[in-house]
Protein backbone atom coordinates (compact mmCIF):
# COMPACT_ATOMS: atom_id res chain seq x y z
CA MET A 1 -0.86 2.76 15.40
CA ALA A 2 -2.00 -0.42 13.63
CA SER A 3 -2.91 -0.06 9.98
CA ALA A 4 -6.40 -0.82 8.73
CA SER A 5 -5.09 -4.04 7.19
CA THR A 6 -3.68 -5.27 10.51
CA VAL A 7 -6.94 -4.52 12.27
CA TYR A 8 -8.93 -6.10 9.46
CA VAL A 9 -7.00 -9.38 9.33
CA LYS A 10 -7.54 -9.99 13.04
CA GLY A 11 -11.16 -10.73 12.24
CA ALA A 12 -10.62 -12.27 8.82
CA CYS A 13 -10.86 -15.91 9.88
CA ALA A 14 -13.97 -15.16 11.92
CA THR A 15 -15.49 -13.37 8.94
CA MET A 16 -14.69 -16.35 6.73
CA ARG A 17 -16.83 -18.50 8.96
CA ASP A 18 -19.74 -16.14 8.36
CA ASP A 19 -22.57 -17.81 6.45
CA THR A 20 -22.26 -15.46 3.46
CA ALA A 21 -18.52 -15.90 3.01
CA GLU A 22 -18.65 -19.66 3.49
CA ALA A 23 -21.58 -19.94 1.07
CA ARG A 24 -19.56 -18.34 -1.72
CA TRP A 25 -16.67 -20.77 -1.40
CA GLY A 26 -19.09 -23.62 -0.86
CA LYS A 27 -20.36 -23.13 -4.41
CA LEU A 28 -16.90 -24.00 -5.78
CA ASP A 29 -17.45 -27.70 -5.06
CA GLU A 30 -20.39 -27.64 -7.45
CA VAL A 31 -18.35 -25.70 -10.02
CA HIS A 32 -15.47 -28.17 -9.80
CA LYS A 33 -17.80 -31.11 -10.29
CA MET A 34 -19.47 -29.55 -13.34
CA LEU A 35 -16.20 -28.48 -14.95
CA SER A 36 -14.56 -31.86 -14.43
CA SER A 37 -16.96 -33.37 -16.96
CA GLN A 38 -15.95 -30.83 -19.63
CA SER A 39 -13.07 -31.54 -22.02
CA ASP A 40 -12.21 -27.83 -22.21
CA SER A 41 -12.49 -27.17 -18.47
CA LYS A 42 -9.57 -24.72 -18.27
CA GLU A 43 -10.81 -22.65 -21.20
CA LEU A 44 -14.32 -22.66 -19.78
CA PHE A 45 -13.09 -21.60 -16.36
CA THR A 46 -11.02 -18.79 -17.87
CA LYS A 47 -14.07 -17.58 -19.79
CA PHE A 48 -15.86 -16.85 -16.51
CA THR A 49 -12.86 -15.48 -14.63
CA VAL A 50 -12.88 -11.78 -13.77
CA LEU A 51 -9.86 -9.82 -12.53
CA ARG A 52 -10.11 -6.86 -10.17
CA SER A 53 -7.24 -4.75 -8.85
CA VAL A 54 -6.92 -1.86 -6.39
CA VAL A 55 -4.16 0.15 -4.79
CA GLY A 56 -4.16 0.06 -1.01
CA GLU A 57 -6.99 -1.06 1.22
CA ALA A 58 -10.00 -0.21 -0.95
CA LYS A 59 -12.91 -2.57 -0.37
CA PRO A 60 -14.32 -4.96 -1.43
CA VAL A 61 -11.30 -6.08 -3.50
CA PHE A 62 -8.81 -5.66 -0.67
CA SER A 63 -11.18 -7.42 1.75
CA ASP A 64 -11.59 -10.34 -0.65
CA SER A 65 -7.83 -10.45 -1.17
CA VAL A 66 -7.15 -10.76 2.56
CA LEU A 67 -9.95 -13.27 3.09
CA THR A 68 -8.62 -15.45 0.27
CA ARG A 69 -5.05 -15.24 1.50
CA VAL A 70 -6.06 -16.11 5.06
CA LYS A 71 -8.27 -18.97 3.86
CA VAL A 72 -5.44 -20.51 1.81
CA SER A 73 -2.76 -19.94 4.45
CA CYS A 74 -4.97 -21.44 7.16
CA GLU A 75 -5.70 -24.51 5.01
CA GLU A 76 -2.05 -25.01 4.00
CA GLN A 77 -0.69 -23.87 7.38
CA THR A 78 1.93 -21.68 5.71
CA SER A 79 1.41 -18.69 8.01
CA THR A 80 -0.61 -17.53 10.96
CA GLU A 81 -3.52 -15.11 10.84
CA ALA A 82 -1.46 -12.32 12.40
CA GLU A 83 1.39 -12.73 9.89
CA GLU A 84 -0.72 -12.46 6.75
CA CYS A 85 -0.91 -8.64 6.67
CA ASP A 86 1.93 -6.18 7.17
CA GLU A 87 2.79 -2.51 6.78
CA PHE A 88 3.08 -2.81 2.99
CA GLU A 89 -0.64 -3.42 2.37
CA PRO A 90 -1.51 0.30 1.93
CA VAL A 91 1.20 0.80 -0.71
CA SER A 92 0.65 -2.42 -2.66
CA MET A 93 -1.43 -3.23 -5.72
CA HIS A 94 -3.87 -6.03 -4.84
CA VAL A 95 -5.13 -8.33 -7.60
CA VAL A 96 -8.02 -10.76 -7.08
CA ALA A 97 -9.29 -13.38 -9.51
CA TYR A 98 -13.05 -13.92 -9.26
CA PHE A 99 -15.16 -16.68 -10.76
CA ASN A 100 -18.46 -15.39 -12.17
CA TYR A 101 -20.73 -18.05 -10.70
CA THR A 102 -23.94 -16.43 -11.96
CA GLN A 103 -22.95 -16.36 -15.64
CA PHE A 104 -21.43 -19.83 -15.39
CA MET A 105 -24.64 -21.39 -14.08
CA GLU A 106 -26.68 -19.60 -16.76
CA GLU A 107 -24.34 -20.98 -19.43
CA MET A 108 -24.56 -24.50 -18.00
CA ALA A 109 -28.36 -24.32 -17.96
CA GLU A 110 -28.34 -23.17 -21.59
CA LEU A 111 -26.06 -26.07 -22.57
CA VAL A 112 -28.53 -28.51 -21.01
CA VAL A 113 -31.39 -26.97 -23.02
CA GLN A 114 -29.31 -27.12 -26.21
CA ALA A 115 -28.47 -30.78 -25.61
CA ARG A 116 -32.13 -31.66 -25.11
CA LEU A 117 -33.13 -29.87 -28.32
CA LEU A 118 -30.45 -31.64 -30.33
CA ARG A 119 -31.40 -34.99 -28.85
CA SER A 120 -35.05 -34.39 -29.73
CA ILE A 121 -34.19 -33.98 -33.44
CA GLY A 122 -31.62 -36.75 -33.52
CA MET A 123 -28.58 -34.49 -33.88
CA GLU A 124 -26.93 -35.07 -30.54
CA GLY A 125 -23.15 -34.70 -30.73
CA SER A 126 -23.26 -32.75 -34.01
CA GLY A 127 -21.86 -29.58 -32.41
CA LEU A 128 -24.82 -27.55 -33.71
CA ARG A 129 -25.88 -24.63 -31.53
CA PHE A 130 -29.26 -22.92 -31.64
CA GLN A 131 -29.45 -19.17 -31.26
CA ARG A 132 -29.88 -18.31 -27.62
CA ARG A 133 -33.35 -17.00 -26.89
CA LYS A 134 -33.77 -13.69 -25.12
CA ARG A 135 -35.87 -13.75 -22.00
CA ASN A 136 -39.20 -11.93 -22.22
CA ILE A 137 -39.39 -9.89 -19.06
CA SER A 138 -42.55 -7.95 -19.99
CA ALA A 139 -45.60 -9.00 -18.00
CA SER A 140 -48.16 -6.79 -19.72
CA ARG A 141 -50.46 -8.26 -22.36
CA ASP A 142 -51.06 -4.78 -23.76
CA GLU A 143 -47.47 -4.44 -24.99
CA PRO A 144 -47.33 -3.88 -28.79
CA ARG A 145 -45.90 -6.76 -30.77
CA ALA A 146 -42.77 -6.39 -32.85
CA GLY A 147 -43.51 -4.58 -36.09
CA SER A 148 -46.60 -2.74 -34.83
CA SER A 149 -46.87 1.05 -34.61
CA GLY A 150 -46.51 0.95 -30.85
CA TYR A 151 -49.77 2.83 -30.17
CA THR A 152 -52.73 0.84 -28.84
CA GLY A 153 -55.12 3.67 -28.04
CA LYS A 154 -55.12 2.94 -24.31
CA PRO A 155 -52.57 3.27 -21.56
CA THR A 156 -50.36 0.30 -20.81
CA ILE A 157 -50.47 -0.94 -17.25
CA LYS A 158 -47.78 -3.29 -15.97
CA ALA A 159 -48.49 -5.65 -13.15
CA ALA A 160 -46.39 -4.51 -10.21
CA GLY A 161 -45.92 -8.03 -8.98
CA HIS A 162 -44.26 -9.07 -12.24
CA GLU A 163 -41.69 -6.30 -12.51
CA PRO A 164 -38.24 -7.74 -13.26
CA THR A 165 -36.02 -7.62 -10.20
CA TYR A 166 -32.26 -7.12 -10.21
CA GLN A 167 -30.26 -10.14 -9.16
CA PRO A 168 -26.68 -9.28 -8.14
CA VAL A 169 -23.94 -11.28 -9.81
CA THR A 170 -22.18 -13.75 -7.53
CA LEU A 171 -18.41 -13.35 -7.85
CA ILE A 172 -16.35 -15.88 -5.91
CA PRO A 173 -12.71 -14.99 -5.12
CA VAL A 174 -10.54 -17.92 -6.21
CA GLY A 175 -7.05 -16.42 -6.05
CA ALA A 176 -5.12 -13.32 -5.08
CA LEU A 177 -1.71 -11.67 -5.01
CA ARG A 178 -0.15 -8.32 -4.33
CA LEU A 179 2.73 -6.47 -5.96
CA ARG A 180 4.64 -3.28 -5.37
CA ARG A 181 7.36 -1.22 -6.99
CA VAL A 182 10.62 -1.53 -5.05
CA ALA A 183 14.21 -0.43 -5.55
CA LYS A 184 16.70 -3.19 -6.34
CA VAL A 185 20.06 -2.70 -4.69
CA SER A 186 23.25 -3.91 -6.34
CA GLY A 187 25.81 -6.11 -4.64
CA ALA A 188 27.85 -3.01 -3.84
CA GLY A 189 24.91 -1.49 -2.01
CA GLU A 190 24.12 1.02 -4.74
CA LEU A 191 20.63 1.64 -6.12
CA ALA A 192 20.38 -0.20 -9.44
CA GLU A 193 16.80 0.16 -10.70
CA PHE A 194 13.18 -0.29 -9.75
CA VAL A 195 11.54 -3.71 -10.07
CA ALA A 196 8.12 -5.23 -9.38
CA LYS A 197 8.01 -7.45 -6.32
CA ILE A 198 5.20 -10.02 -6.42
CA GLU A 199 4.04 -11.38 -3.08
CA ARG A 200 1.27 -13.30 -1.31
CA VAL A 201 0.34 -15.39 -4.34
CA CYS A 202 -2.43 -17.83 -3.41
CA VAL A 203 -5.11 -19.93 -5.10
CA VAL A 204 -8.07 -21.71 -3.49
CA LYS A 205 -7.03 -25.35 -3.39
CA SER A 206 -9.94 -26.82 -5.38
CA MET A 207 -9.33 -24.31 -8.20
CA CYS A 208 -5.59 -24.90 -8.67
CA CYS A 209 -6.18 -27.26 -11.60
CA PHE A 210 -7.88 -24.58 -13.72
CA GLY A 211 -4.90 -22.28 -14.29
CA VAL A 212 -5.80 -19.54 -11.81
CA GLY A 213 -2.15 -19.08 -10.88
CA ARG A 214 -1.12 -18.37 -14.47
CA ILE A 215 -4.00 -15.91 -14.88
CA LEU A 216 -2.88 -14.00 -11.78
CA MET A 217 0.79 -13.95 -12.79
CA THR A 218 -0.05 -12.71 -16.29
CA ALA A 219 -2.12 -9.90 -14.77
CA ALA A 220 0.66 -8.97 -12.33
CA GLU A 221 3.26 -8.81 -15.10
CA LYS A 222 1.01 -6.60 -17.22
CA ILE A 223 0.63 -4.20 -14.29
CA ALA A 224 4.40 -4.25 -13.76
CA ARG A 225 5.04 -3.30 -17.39
CA ASP A 226 2.18 -0.86 -18.01
CA ALA A 227 1.70 0.79 -14.60
CA PHE A 228 5.01 0.35 -12.78
CA HIS A 229 7.12 0.76 -15.95
CA VAL A 230 9.74 -1.74 -14.82
CA ARG A 231 11.74 -4.30 -16.75
CA TRP A 232 11.99 -6.97 -14.09
CA ALA A 233 9.67 -8.88 -11.78
CA LEU A 234 10.93 -10.78 -8.77
CA LEU A 235 9.44 -12.95 -6.06
CA TYR A 236 10.48 -15.22 -3.23
CA ALA A 237 9.03 -18.64 -3.99
CA HIS A 238 8.35 -21.42 -1.54
CA LEU A 239 10.42 -24.44 -2.57
CA SER A 240 7.25 -26.42 -3.30
CA SER A 241 6.15 -23.69 -5.76
CA LYS A 242 9.49 -23.31 -7.52
CA GLU A 243 8.49 -25.53 -10.44
CA PHE A 244 5.30 -23.56 -11.10
CA TYR A 245 7.15 -20.25 -11.32
CA ALA A 246 9.83 -21.81 -13.51
CA LYS A 247 7.10 -22.80 -15.99
CA THR A 248 5.88 -19.20 -16.08
CA GLY A 249 9.35 -17.92 -16.98
CA TYR A 250 10.98 -17.19 -13.62
CA ALA A 251 14.59 -18.21 -13.04
CA PRO A 252 16.05 -18.88 -9.59
CA LYS A 253 19.00 -16.80 -8.40
CA GLU A 254 21.42 -19.35 -7.04
CA GLY A 255 22.53 -18.78 -3.49
CA GLN A 256 19.79 -16.27 -2.75
CA THR A 257 17.44 -18.00 -0.34
CA CYS A 258 15.81 -16.78 2.83
CA MET A 259 13.52 -17.93 5.58
CA GLY A 260 10.07 -16.49 5.08
CA LEU A 261 6.93 -17.40 7.03
CA HIS A 262 8.48 -20.49 8.65
CA ALA A 263 9.80 -22.03 5.39
CA PRO A 264 12.78 -21.51 3.07
CA HIS A 265 12.14 -19.39 -0.02
CA VAL A 266 14.26 -18.87 -3.12
CA LEU A 267 14.58 -15.62 -5.07
CA MET A 268 13.28 -15.94 -8.65
CA VAL A 269 13.32 -13.27 -11.36
CA LYS A 270 11.81 -12.73 -14.80
CA CYS A 271 12.72 -10.24 -17.49
CA LEU A 272 9.65 -8.38 -18.73
CA ALA A 273 11.56 -6.61 -21.50
CA GLY A 274 14.93 -6.82 -23.22
CA ALA A 275 17.37 -6.25 -20.37
CA SER A 276 20.12 -7.85 -18.35
CA MET A 277 20.32 -8.22 -14.61
């Protein structure tokens, strides 16, 4: 019987072409353009990055993980739709990096207001920041002012048409990975110890320059230490990604390569605590 992940991924590419899914990723072009003009673009991007993780196929995190993986693999042609999910999905920890588009746009709008205020008083470029004003969401003129007793002698009636409405936060998945606790076997075929195996690392192409990969790897290593209680993390890196993993502390194991998803991969390991391998 096919697992839920196998059934789900069969329709993943079709779902990606849905207006809602495409609209979320479509907003990233605007984000990239706005961040490119900022000197601290990586720090700003990280500020609005949210991490979510689940075990198994719990939605929506698992769904977003698969959609992101399929999107990236389809764009880079590293694997087919059918190959993206396997029997290990239900027993893996799935980590997704989201960009909080709603908060980011609110912050950008506030920066524009701040710049206009500073320009109006001739202090543009001074670095001064005004205190952010709180939005007044009360529509009733009968509301007591600050400092009053609060009693007006007549009932307060709020206009129904002006009630504040909840606007859901738009979170855009920009990267994903999965990891699982596996047994490492020694050269003699004996069980050595358990390690964390990191797989399916992917980042939406336009967001690669903002450090999403490092954010994901840091999160995976924290899970490996705190939840899996292992001393080592390993992964099979595509040759084109070898340099990235080396910069994050992973060392290649010479002579240990394999063919994975139509391309050669090299085994790389990282010590998460004082140990020898």
